[in-house]
């Protein structure tokens, strides 16, 4: 193998390693961005599930209270006279309203926090996606510039090797 072939092989190897390292760096950045977006999406899904379960829990509580009240009335109808039944119904309506208000007071902050977190997550997801897309575009442009730079440097180094070989031959 001639000196020129060895020098060219060494240059190809050196710049090939640079190019390979740069590609691996860009790939890892893209994987990191994708994983970040997936994580944010999973958090959004979690907030949706929590909201759904909170709403489901509220409905179950209302339904159970209504069933319990109805069962109490049905079970005691025969023992209660009309005045007692009316008094129980009024009392039950007041208790139901108190329970509803207590539930509202306790659930409102939780719902507000979950809504706020959900909105924040959505905004964060949109912002992160925008940043990752911009980063990908910049990386693509940078990679193309770097590949062109490497090609020019390799060409100039090949030309240098050729000139050195010609100089050695003429001496």
Protein backbone atom coordinates (compact mmCIF):
# COMPACT_ATOMS: atom_id res chain seq x y z
CA UNK A 1 0.00 0.00 0.00
CA UNK A 2 1.41 3.36 -0.99
CA UNK A 3 1.92 6.26 1.34
CA UNK A 4 -0.88 8.11 -0.44
CA UNK A 5 -3.32 5.20 0.04
CA UNK A 6 -2.37 4.88 3.72
CA UNK A 7 -2.80 8.60 4.29
CA UNK A 8 -6.16 8.59 2.51
CA UNK A 9 -7.27 5.54 4.52
CA UNK A 10 -6.25 7.26 7.75
CA UNK A 11 -8.13 10.42 6.77
CA UNK A 12 -11.23 8.42 5.86
CA UNK A 13 -11.08 6.60 9.17
CA UNK A 14 -10.54 9.77 11.20
CA UNK A 15 -13.35 11.73 9.55
CA UNK A 16 -15.61 8.67 9.48
CA UNK A 17 -15.23 8.40 13.26
CA UNK A 18 -16.05 12.09 13.65
CA UNK A 19 -19.11 11.69 11.46
CA UNK A 20 -20.23 8.56 13.30
CA UNK A 21 -19.83 10.24 16.69
CA UNK A 22 -21.81 13.26 15.54
CA UNK A 23 -24.63 11.06 14.21
CA UNK A 24 -24.78 9.14 17.48
CA UNK A 25 -24.93 12.42 19.39
CA UNK A 26 -27.85 13.65 17.24
CA UNK A 27 -29.65 10.32 17.59
CA UNK A 28 -29.31 10.39 21.39
CA UNK A 29 -30.67 13.96 21.45
CA UNK A 30 -33.67 12.89 19.37
CA UNK A 31 -34.31 9.88 21.61
CA UNK A 32 -34.08 12.12 24.69
CA UNK A 33 -36.60 14.55 23.18
CA UNK A 34 -38.98 11.75 22.25
CA UNK A 35 -38.73 10.20 25.73
CA UNK A 36 -39.35 13.60 27.33
CA UNK A 37 -42.50 14.15 25.28
CA UNK A 38 -43.73 10.64 26.10
CA UNK A 39 -43.21 11.32 29.81
CA UNK A 40 -45.18 14.57 29.63
CA UNK A 41 -47.95 12.77 27.72
CA UNK A 42 -48.13 10.08 30.42
CA UNK A 43 -48.42 12.77 33.07
CA UNK A 44 -51.29 14.32 31.13
CA UNK A 45 -52.98 10.92 30.95
CA UNK A 46 -52.52 10.51 34.71
CA UNK A 47 -54.25 13.84 35.39
CA UNK A 48 -57.09 12.83 33.09
CA UNK A 49 -57.51 9.55 34.97
CA UNK A 50 -57.44 11.32 38.36
CA UNK A 51 -60.07 13.81 37.18
CA UNK A 52 -62.24 11.02 35.82
CA UNK A 53 -61.98 9.01 39.04
CA UNK A 54 -62.75 12.06 41.15
CA UNK A 55 -65.89 12.72 39.11
CA UNK A 56 -66.85 9.04 39.27
CA UNK A 57 -66.36 9.07 43.05
CA UNK A 58 -68.63 12.11 43.40
CA UNK A 59 -71.35 10.44 41.35
CA UNK A 60 -71.09 7.22 43.34
CA UNK A 61 -71.37 9.15 46.60
CA UNK A 62 -74.49 10.98 45.37
CA UNK A 63 -76.07 7.76 44.13
CA UNK A 64 -75.28 5.89 47.37
CA UNK A 65 -76.73 8.70 49.47
CA UNK A 66 -79.90 8.71 47.35
CA UNK A 67 -80.22 4.92 47.58
CA UNK A 68 -79.65 4.96 51.32
CA UNK A 69 -82.28 7.63 51.81
CA UNK A 70 -84.78 5.82 49.62
CA UNK A 71 -84.14 2.53 51.43
CA UNK A 72 -84.62 4.21 54.82
CA UNK A 73 -87.93 5.72 53.70
CA UNK A 74 -89.14 2.43 52.21
CA UNK A 75 -88.13 0.44 55.30
CA UNK A 76 -89.76 2.86 57.73
CA UNK A 77 -92.84 3.89 55.73
CA UNK A 78 -95.06 1.50 57.61
CA UNK A 79 -93.89 2.76 61.01
CA UNK A 80 -93.93 6.49 60.19
CA UNK A 81 -97.04 8.57 59.97
CA UNK A 82 -97.39 11.27 57.32
CA UNK A 83 -96.07 14.05 59.60
CA UNK A 84 -93.01 12.02 60.60
CA UNK A 85 -92.35 11.11 56.97
CA UNK A 86 -92.63 14.79 55.97
CA UNK A 87 -90.30 15.79 58.81
CA UNK A 88 -87.78 13.10 57.80
CA UNK A 89 -87.96 14.20 54.15
CA UNK A 90 -87.27 17.83 55.09
CA UNK A 91 -84.47 16.79 57.42
CA UNK A 92 -83.01 14.52 54.73
CA UNK A 93 -83.12 17.32 52.12
CA UNK A 94 -81.25 19.63 54.52
CA UNK A 95 -78.69 16.92 55.29
CA UNK A 96 -78.29 16.17 51.60
CA UNK A 97 -77.65 19.87 50.94
CA UNK A 98 -75.12 20.01 53.79
CA UNK A 99 -73.33 16.91 52.46
CA UNK A 100 -73.35 18.39 48.94
CA UNK A 101 -71.84 21.64 50.20
CA UNK A 102 -69.20 19.84 52.27
CA UNK A 103 -68.37 17.73 49.25
CA UNK A 104 -68.20 20.84 47.07
CA UNK A 105 -65.96 22.64 49.56
CA UNK A 106 -63.62 19.67 49.83
CA UNK A 107 -63.61 18.83 46.11
CA UNK A 108 -63.32 22.34 44.65
CA UNK A 109 -59.67 22.88 45.66
CA UNK A 110 -58.73 19.41 44.42
CA UNK A 111 -60.47 19.96 41.11
CA UNK A 112 -58.92 23.41 40.76
CA UNK A 113 -55.43 22.03 41.42
CA UNK A 114 -55.95 19.14 38.99
CA UNK A 115 -57.31 21.51 36.32
CA UNK A 116 -54.37 23.84 36.84
CA UNK A 117 -51.90 20.97 36.65
CA UNK A 118 -53.59 19.60 33.52
CA UNK A 119 -53.46 22.99 31.82
CA UNK A 120 -49.84 23.47 32.88
CA UNK A 121 -48.94 20.04 31.54
CA UNK A 122 -50.64 20.79 28.22
CA UNK A 123 -48.74 24.07 27.90
CA UNK A 124 -45.50 22.39 28.94
CA UNK A 125 -46.05 19.61 26.38
CA UNK A 126 -46.68 22.15 23.62
CA UNK A 127 -43.62 24.19 24.63
CA UNK A 128 -41.40 21.13 24.92
CA UNK A 129 -42.55 19.86 21.53
CA UNK A 130 -41.84 23.24 19.97
CA UNK A 131 -38.35 23.38 21.53
CA UNK A 132 -37.58 19.81 20.45
CA UNK A 133 -38.78 20.51 16.90
CA UNK A 134 -36.63 23.65 16.75
CA UNK A 135 -33.67 21.72 18.16
CA UNK A 136 -34.17 19.00 15.55
CA UNK A 137 -34.22 21.61 12.78
CA UNK A 138 -31.06 23.25 14.14
CA UNK A 139 -29.36 19.87 14.43
CA UNK A 140 -30.29 19.01 10.85
CA UNK A 141 -28.90 22.32 9.59
CA UNK A 142 -25.77 21.96 11.74
CA UNK A 143 -25.24 18.37 10.62
CA UNK A 144 -25.52 19.39 6.96
CA UNK A 145 -23.04 22.25 7.51
CA UNK A 146 -20.69 19.95 9.37
CA UNK A 147 -20.92 17.25 6.68
CA UNK A 148 -20.11 19.87 4.02
CA UNK A 149 -17.24 21.14 6.16
CA UNK A 150 -15.88 17.61 6.61
CA UNK A 151 -16.15 16.95 2.87
CA UNK A 152 -14.19 20.15 2.11
CA UNK A 153 -11.55 19.43 4.76
CA UNK A 154 -11.17 15.85 3.49
CA UNK A 155 -10.82 17.11 -0.08
CA UNK A 156 -8.19 19.64 0.95
CA UNK A 157 -6.35 16.96 2.93
CA UNK A 158 -6.48 14.57 -0.03
CA UNK A 159 -5.11 17.38 -2.20
CA UNK A 160 -2.38 18.00 0.35
CA UNK A 161 -1.47 14.30 0.33
CA UNK A 162 -1.41 14.37 -3.51
CA UNK A 163 0.80 17.47 -3.51
CA UNK A 164 3.15 15.89 -0.99
CA UNK A 165 3.34 12.72 -3.07
CA UNK A 166 4.07 14.76 -6.21
CA UNK A 167 6.73 16.72 -4.35
CA UNK A 168 8.36 13.51 -3.14
CA UNK A 169 8.26 12.02 -6.67
CA UNK A 170 9.89 15.07 -8.23
CA UNK A 171 12.77 15.14 -5.78
